[in-house]
Amino acid sequence: MPIISEGFPERSRKANSRLAIESRIHAALVDYSLDLQKRLRTGLAADALALESAELGLSYIRDDTARTVGDWSSYPGVGDATFAGSVLRAARGDKFIPLYVGAANIVFGRAGSIVEAGAPVFEEVAGRALEEWQADQAYEIANGRALALYEACKTKAQVTEPLAPVKLDEAGFKEVATAQTASVVSAGWIDESKLTGNVTDAQSELGRFTSALAFTGRPVLRLTDGEVASPFANLTRDRIYVARKLGQRDPPEVKLQPREYQSLRDSAASERSSEVMDELFGTAALKARYGFSFPSREAAEKDAANKPASS
């Protein structure tokens, strides 16, 4: 198979020649676009511009269709965000679209009048507006019922302080819920590490509840045993929950990965190392073993021991 190899100097010469040609074409188009801009301002007709473009071998496109910025961004052949911005600025300004070099074309021209966006047609949004209003009203009603249930729980638990925890046993919580015509569903044991919030799995009421826990209800998991949480809604606000924590238990199986075991081991070794250093070189050890006394060091260690821990 014969192979023809073109050396670097030859390729460089051809590339420089092409760049020189493209540079002259660009400069000529810049000069022509500036001259055209002046003549358009003095009344150059569109028909004359079309004939002139044909004589010069340029493509002339007249598009009187009103388009949005998004439409100009996807305009065939030249559309992108930069071109759409040029059209919008020209429509708001002197109407002339400056020379724009796209991926496949070089474009310049004149923009028409700009049509400001107005209010949508009522018929187009009436249905959606009604749906959203109904959803808001349903949420307000449901939220009011949930707040009433929570207040009834506070009354049952004889809680008067605003921030005091509300604790009820299972029977008392069911009694209050029944009186408020609310249904009680037990979620059973929930593994917090498995709360992914996957909405696609939330087909049942229990699934919807665990999905809400993952997104907006995680404070419920921090409650103490028997404590009732204030109402919380899911992301779509079509469910509102008043939850009571039954309790917590250790997982049936603790799975440690090698890196987790290594972290625990290193932490224990570090703590033990600090204890050994205190036993050998701490002020108490040195004083007991050798009778040494270090007042400033003893004061510093005493202050550190009495300092409250920060979290």
Protein backbone atom coordinates (compact mmCIF):
# COMPACT_ATOMS: atom_id res chain seq x y z
CA MET A 1 0.00 0.00 0.00
CA PRO A 2 1.66 3.26 -1.04
CA ILE A 3 1.76 5.97 1.62
CA ILE A 4 2.07 9.66 0.78
CA SER A 5 3.49 11.69 3.65
CA GLU A 6 3.23 15.45 3.77
CA GLY A 7 5.94 17.14 5.81
CA PHE A 8 5.33 19.74 8.51
CA PRO A 9 6.69 22.71 6.51
CA GLU A 10 4.23 21.98 3.68
CA ARG A 11 1.28 21.67 6.05
CA SER A 12 2.29 24.88 7.81
CA ARG A 13 2.50 26.71 4.49
CA LYS A 14 -0.99 25.58 3.50
CA ALA A 15 -2.43 26.49 6.91
CA ASN A 16 -0.91 29.98 6.77
CA SER A 17 -2.24 30.43 3.25
CA ARG A 18 -5.76 29.44 4.33
CA LEU A 19 -5.61 31.77 7.34
CA ALA A 20 -4.53 34.63 5.10
CA ILE A 21 -7.46 34.01 2.74
CA GLU A 22 -9.97 33.75 5.62
CA SER A 23 -8.55 36.91 7.17
CA ARG A 24 -9.04 38.87 3.94
CA ILE A 25 -12.59 37.53 3.58
CA HIS A 26 -13.43 38.53 7.15
CA ALA A 27 -11.96 42.01 6.68
CA ALA A 28 -13.93 42.49 3.44
CA LEU A 29 -17.17 41.41 5.12
CA VAL A 30 -16.54 43.79 8.04
CA ASP A 31 -16.08 46.68 5.61
CA TYR A 32 -19.17 45.67 3.63
CA SER A 33 -21.34 45.28 6.76
CA LEU A 34 -20.32 48.76 8.01
CA ASP A 35 -21.07 50.29 4.61
CA LEU A 36 -24.39 48.45 4.49
CA GLN A 37 -25.27 49.74 7.94
CA LYS A 38 -24.84 53.33 6.73
CA ARG A 39 -26.92 52.76 3.59
CA LEU A 40 -29.70 51.03 5.50
CA ARG A 41 -29.99 54.10 7.70
CA THR A 42 -30.38 56.29 4.61
CA GLY A 43 -33.21 54.21 3.13
CA LEU A 44 -31.73 51.25 1.24
CA ALA A 45 -34.71 49.11 0.22
CA ALA A 46 -34.92 45.39 0.99
CA ASP A 47 -35.37 44.52 -2.71
CA ALA A 48 -32.20 46.38 -3.62
CA LEU A 49 -30.33 44.62 -0.83
CA ALA A 50 -31.51 41.24 -2.12
CA LEU A 51 -30.22 41.99 -5.64
CA GLU A 52 -26.93 43.30 -4.32
CA SER A 53 -26.43 40.20 -2.16
CA ALA A 54 -27.02 37.94 -5.18
CA GLU A 55 -24.45 39.88 -7.25
CA LEU A 56 -21.86 39.46 -4.49
CA GLY A 57 -22.59 35.76 -4.00
CA LEU A 58 -24.06 36.23 -0.54
CA SER A 59 -27.22 34.59 0.79
CA TYR A 60 -30.07 36.98 1.58
CA ILE A 61 -32.78 35.79 3.98
CA ARG A 62 -35.79 37.85 4.93
CA ASP A 63 -37.59 36.50 7.96
CA ASP A 64 -40.47 38.61 9.26
CA THR A 65 -41.64 36.01 11.76
CA ALA A 66 -41.65 37.18 15.38
CA ARG A 67 -39.38 34.84 17.36
CA THR A 68 -38.40 34.47 20.97
CA VAL A 69 -34.80 34.51 22.19
CA GLY A 70 -35.01 30.73 22.46
CA ASP A 71 -36.12 30.53 18.80
CA TRP A 72 -33.16 32.62 17.66
CA SER A 73 -30.84 30.47 19.74
CA SER A 74 -31.83 27.45 17.65
CA TYR A 75 -32.20 29.22 14.30
CA PRO A 76 -31.02 26.85 11.53
CA GLY A 77 -27.40 27.34 10.51
CA VAL A 78 -26.46 30.20 12.82
CA GLY A 79 -28.54 29.99 15.99
CA ASP A 80 -26.87 29.97 19.39
CA ALA A 81 -27.04 32.03 22.58
CA THR A 82 -24.54 34.64 21.32
CA PHE A 83 -26.42 35.20 18.07
CA ALA A 84 -29.75 35.46 19.93
CA GLY A 85 -28.21 38.09 22.21
CA SER A 86 -27.02 40.09 19.19
CA VAL A 87 -30.50 40.04 17.67
CA LEU A 88 -32.11 41.14 20.94
CA ARG A 89 -29.63 44.00 21.47
CA ALA A 90 -30.10 45.14 17.87
CA ALA A 91 -33.90 45.11 18.18
CA ARG A 92 -33.65 47.29 21.29
CA GLY A 93 -30.99 49.57 19.80
CA ASP A 94 -30.04 50.72 16.30
CA LYS A 95 -31.60 47.64 14.62
CA PHE A 96 -28.31 46.58 13.01
CA ILE A 97 -26.95 43.10 13.82
CA PRO A 98 -23.13 43.36 13.75
CA LEU A 99 -20.95 40.82 11.96
CA TYR A 100 -21.25 37.51 13.75
CA VAL A 101 -18.95 34.56 13.02
CA GLY A 102 -20.75 31.30 13.72
CA ALA A 103 -19.62 27.71 13.47
CA ALA A 104 -20.61 27.40 9.81
CA ASN A 105 -21.67 30.90 8.65
CA ILE A 106 -20.83 34.57 8.94
CA VAL A 107 -23.96 36.64 9.48
CA PHE A 108 -24.93 40.31 9.67
CA GLY A 109 -28.22 42.07 9.08
CA ARG A 110 -31.00 44.21 10.40
CA ALA A 111 -33.47 43.36 13.16
CA GLY A 112 -37.14 44.28 13.05
CA SER A 113 -39.22 45.68 15.85
CA ILE A 114 -39.27 44.03 19.23
CA VAL A 115 -42.51 42.76 20.72
CA GLU A 116 -42.43 42.82 24.51
CA ALA A 117 -43.77 39.74 26.22
CA GLY A 118 -47.26 40.30 27.49
CA ALA A 119 -49.56 38.49 29.86
CA PRO A 120 -50.49 34.98 28.74
CA VAL A 121 -53.89 34.33 27.25
CA PHE A 122 -56.38 33.67 30.04
CA GLU A 123 -57.71 30.48 28.48
CA GLU A 124 -54.18 29.07 28.35
CA VAL A 125 -53.53 29.50 32.07
CA ALA A 126 -57.00 29.34 33.60
CA GLY A 127 -56.98 25.57 34.05
CA ARG A 128 -53.52 25.52 35.57
CA ALA A 129 -54.32 28.45 37.84
CA LEU A 130 -57.46 26.70 39.07
CA GLU A 131 -55.49 23.50 39.80
CA GLU A 132 -52.86 25.41 41.78
CA TRP A 133 -55.51 27.35 43.69
CA GLN A 134 -57.31 24.14 44.59
CA ALA A 135 -54.01 22.55 45.67
CA ASP A 136 -53.21 25.57 47.87
CA GLN A 137 -56.66 25.50 49.44
CA ALA A 138 -56.41 21.75 50.08
CA TYR A 139 -53.00 22.25 51.71
CA GLU A 140 -54.29 25.06 53.94
CA ILE A 141 -57.22 22.93 55.10
CA ALA A 142 -55.03 19.87 55.71
CA ASN A 143 -52.40 21.94 57.51
CA GLY A 144 -55.09 23.44 59.73
CA ARG A 145 -56.33 19.97 60.66
CA ALA A 146 -52.77 18.79 61.37
CA LEU A 147 -52.11 21.78 63.61
CA ALA A 148 -55.38 21.11 65.44
CA LEU A 149 -54.31 17.49 65.99
CA TYR A 150 -50.93 18.59 67.33
CA GLU A 151 -52.55 21.10 69.68
CA ALA A 152 -54.91 18.37 70.90
CA CYS A 153 -51.86 16.19 71.63
CA LYS A 154 -50.35 19.03 73.65
CA THR A 155 -53.58 19.37 75.61
CA LYS A 156 -53.72 15.62 76.24
CA ALA A 157 -50.07 15.64 77.39
CA GLN A 158 -50.77 18.72 79.55
CA VAL A 159 -47.97 20.68 77.89
CA THR A 160 -48.20 24.43 78.36
CA GLU A 161 -44.67 25.61 77.50
CA PRO A 162 -44.24 26.50 73.80
CA LEU A 163 -40.96 24.60 73.31
CA ALA A 164 -41.59 21.73 75.70
CA PRO A 165 -41.66 18.23 74.15
CA VAL A 166 -45.07 16.65 73.66
CA LYS A 167 -45.07 13.05 74.88
CA LEU A 168 -47.95 10.59 74.70
CA ASP A 169 -48.23 6.84 74.95
CA GLU A 170 -49.56 4.89 71.98
CA ALA A 171 -53.10 4.63 73.36
CA GLY A 172 -53.30 8.35 74.13
CA PHE A 173 -52.05 9.29 70.66
CA LYS A 174 -54.62 7.03 68.97
CA GLU A 175 -57.35 8.46 71.17
CA VAL A 176 -56.54 12.02 70.16
CA ALA A 177 -56.18 11.10 66.47
CA THR A 178 -59.54 9.31 66.47
CA ALA A 179 -61.21 12.33 68.08
CA GLN A 180 -59.75 14.51 65.31
CA THR A 181 -60.96 12.04 62.62
CA ALA A 182 -57.37 11.29 61.61
CA SER A 183 -56.07 7.84 60.72
CA VAL A 184 -53.04 6.32 62.47
CA VAL A 185 -50.65 4.13 60.49
CA SER A 186 -47.64 2.43 62.08
CA ALA A 187 -44.49 2.73 59.98
CA GLY A 188 -42.64 0.07 61.98
CA TRP A 189 -38.87 0.18 62.29
CA ILE A 190 -37.11 2.53 59.84
CA ASP A 191 -33.42 2.36 59.01
CA GLU A 192 -32.26 5.95 58.60
CA SER A 193 -29.36 4.89 56.36
CA LYS A 194 -31.88 3.53 53.85
CA LEU A 195 -33.98 6.69 53.60
CA THR A 196 -33.13 7.62 50.02
CA GLY A 197 -36.23 9.72 49.34
CA ASN A 198 -36.86 7.92 46.07
CA VAL A 199 -40.24 9.32 45.03
CA THR A 200 -40.75 6.57 42.45
CA ASP A 201 -41.01 4.04 45.31
CA ALA A 202 -43.60 6.14 47.16
CA GLN A 203 -46.69 4.43 45.75
CA SER A 204 -48.18 3.31 49.07
CA GLU A 205 -49.00 5.56 52.02
CA LEU A 206 -46.05 4.06 53.92
CA GLY A 207 -43.80 4.71 50.94
CA ARG A 208 -44.97 8.32 50.75
CA PHE A 209 -44.30 8.74 54.47
CA THR A 210 -40.74 7.38 54.31
CA SER A 211 -40.07 9.56 51.25
CA ALA A 212 -41.26 12.61 53.21
CA LEU A 213 -39.04 11.58 56.14
CA ALA A 214 -36.02 11.58 53.84
CA PHE A 215 -36.65 15.08 52.50
CA THR A 216 -38.52 17.16 55.09
CA GLY A 217 -39.07 14.96 58.13
CA ARG A 218 -35.60 14.00 59.33
CA PRO A 219 -36.02 16.02 62.58
CA VAL A 220 -38.62 13.38 63.54
CA LEU A 221 -35.80 10.84 63.80
CA ARG A 222 -34.13 12.97 66.50
CA LEU A 223 -37.14 12.85 68.83
CA THR A 224 -37.11 10.97 72.09
CA ASP A 225 -39.23 7.90 72.66
CA GLY A 226 -42.95 8.70 72.72
CA GLU A 227 -42.50 12.29 71.56
CA VAL A 228 -44.95 13.77 69.04
CA ALA A 229 -43.55 15.89 66.19
CA SER A 230 -45.11 19.09 64.92
CA PRO A 231 -46.74 18.75 61.46
CA PHE A 232 -44.54 18.43 58.39
CA ALA A 233 -45.47 18.09 54.72
CA ASN A 234 -43.88 16.19 51.87
CA LEU A 235 -42.25 18.00 48.94
CA THR A 236 -45.40 18.10 46.82
CA ARG A 237 -47.49 19.29 49.80
CA ASP A 238 -50.23 16.75 49.14
CA ARG A 239 -49.55 14.94 52.43
CA ILE A 240 -49.12 16.36 55.95
CA TYR A 241 -48.00 14.18 58.84
CA VAL A 242 -48.10 14.37 62.62
CA ALA A 243 -45.71 11.64 63.71
CA ARG A 244 -45.04 10.02 67.07
CA LYS A 245 -41.77 8.19 67.67
CA LEU A 246 -42.28 4.71 69.10
CA GLY A 247 -38.66 4.23 70.13
CA GLN A 248 -35.35 3.10 68.79
CA ARG A 249 -33.30 -0.08 68.84
CA ASP A 250 -29.86 -1.25 67.82
CA PRO A 251 -29.62 -2.69 64.33
CA PRO A 252 -29.81 -6.49 64.19
CA GLU A 253 -26.46 -6.59 62.42
CA VAL A 254 -23.57 -4.13 62.33
CA LYS A 255 -21.57 -4.33 59.13
CA LEU A 256 -18.11 -2.81 59.22
CA GLN A 257 -16.01 -2.34 56.14
CA PRO A 258 -12.21 -2.73 56.47
CA ARG A 259 -11.64 1.02 56.20
CA GLU A 260 -14.26 1.66 58.94
CA TYR A 261 -12.54 -0.87 61.20
CA GLN A 262 -9.18 0.78 60.54
CA SER A 263 -10.64 4.18 61.46
CA LEU A 264 -11.99 2.82 64.76
CA ARG A 265 -8.68 1.12 65.48
CA ASP A 266 -6.68 4.29 64.79
CA SER A 267 -9.05 6.33 66.98
CA ALA A 268 -8.70 3.88 69.88
CA ALA A 269 -4.91 3.80 69.46
CA SER A 270 -4.77 7.61 69.53
CA GLU A 271 -6.87 7.78 72.71
CA ARG A 272 -4.72 5.12 74.37
CA SER A 273 -1.55 6.95 73.33
CA SER A 274 -2.78 10.12 75.03
CA GLU A 275 -3.55 8.14 78.21
CA VAL A 276 -0.05 6.61 78.23
CA MET A 277 1.55 10.05 77.79
CA ASP A 278 -0.47 11.35 80.74
CA GLU A 279 0.52 8.34 82.88
CA LEU A 280 4.22 8.83 82.10
CA PHE A 281 4.68 12.57 81.74
CA GLY A 282 1.53 14.20 83.14
CA THR A 283 1.91 16.62 86.05
CA ALA A 284 0.18 14.22 88.43
CA ALA A 285 2.46 11.32 87.42
CA LEU A 286 5.66 13.37 87.68
CA LYS A 287 4.63 14.78 91.03
CA ALA A 288 3.78 11.33 92.43
CA ARG A 289 6.91 9.65 91.04
CA TYR A 290 9.58 12.33 91.47
CA GLY A 291 8.00 15.04 93.55
CA PHE A 292 8.18 17.54 90.71
CA SER A 293 5.79 20.47 90.66
CA PHE A 294 4.81 22.61 87.67
CA PRO A 295 2.28 25.23 88.86
CA SER A 296 1.67 26.88 85.46
CA ARG A 297 1.27 23.54 83.70
CA GLU A 298 -1.01 22.21 86.43
CA ALA A 299 -3.19 25.31 86.14
CA ALA A 300 -3.40 24.94 82.35
CA GLU A 301 -4.37 21.25 82.58
CA LYS A 302 -6.96 22.07 85.25
CA ASP A 303 -8.50 24.79 83.08
CA ALA A 304 -8.60 22.44 80.07
CA ALA A 305 -10.30 19.75 82.14
CA ASN A 306 -12.97 22.16 83.44
CA LYS A 307 -13.60 23.79 80.06
CA PRO A 308 -17.03 22.77 78.64
CA ALA A 309 -16.91 20.69 75.47
CA SER A 310 -18.01 22.39 72.27
CA SER A 311 -20.15 20.73 69.62
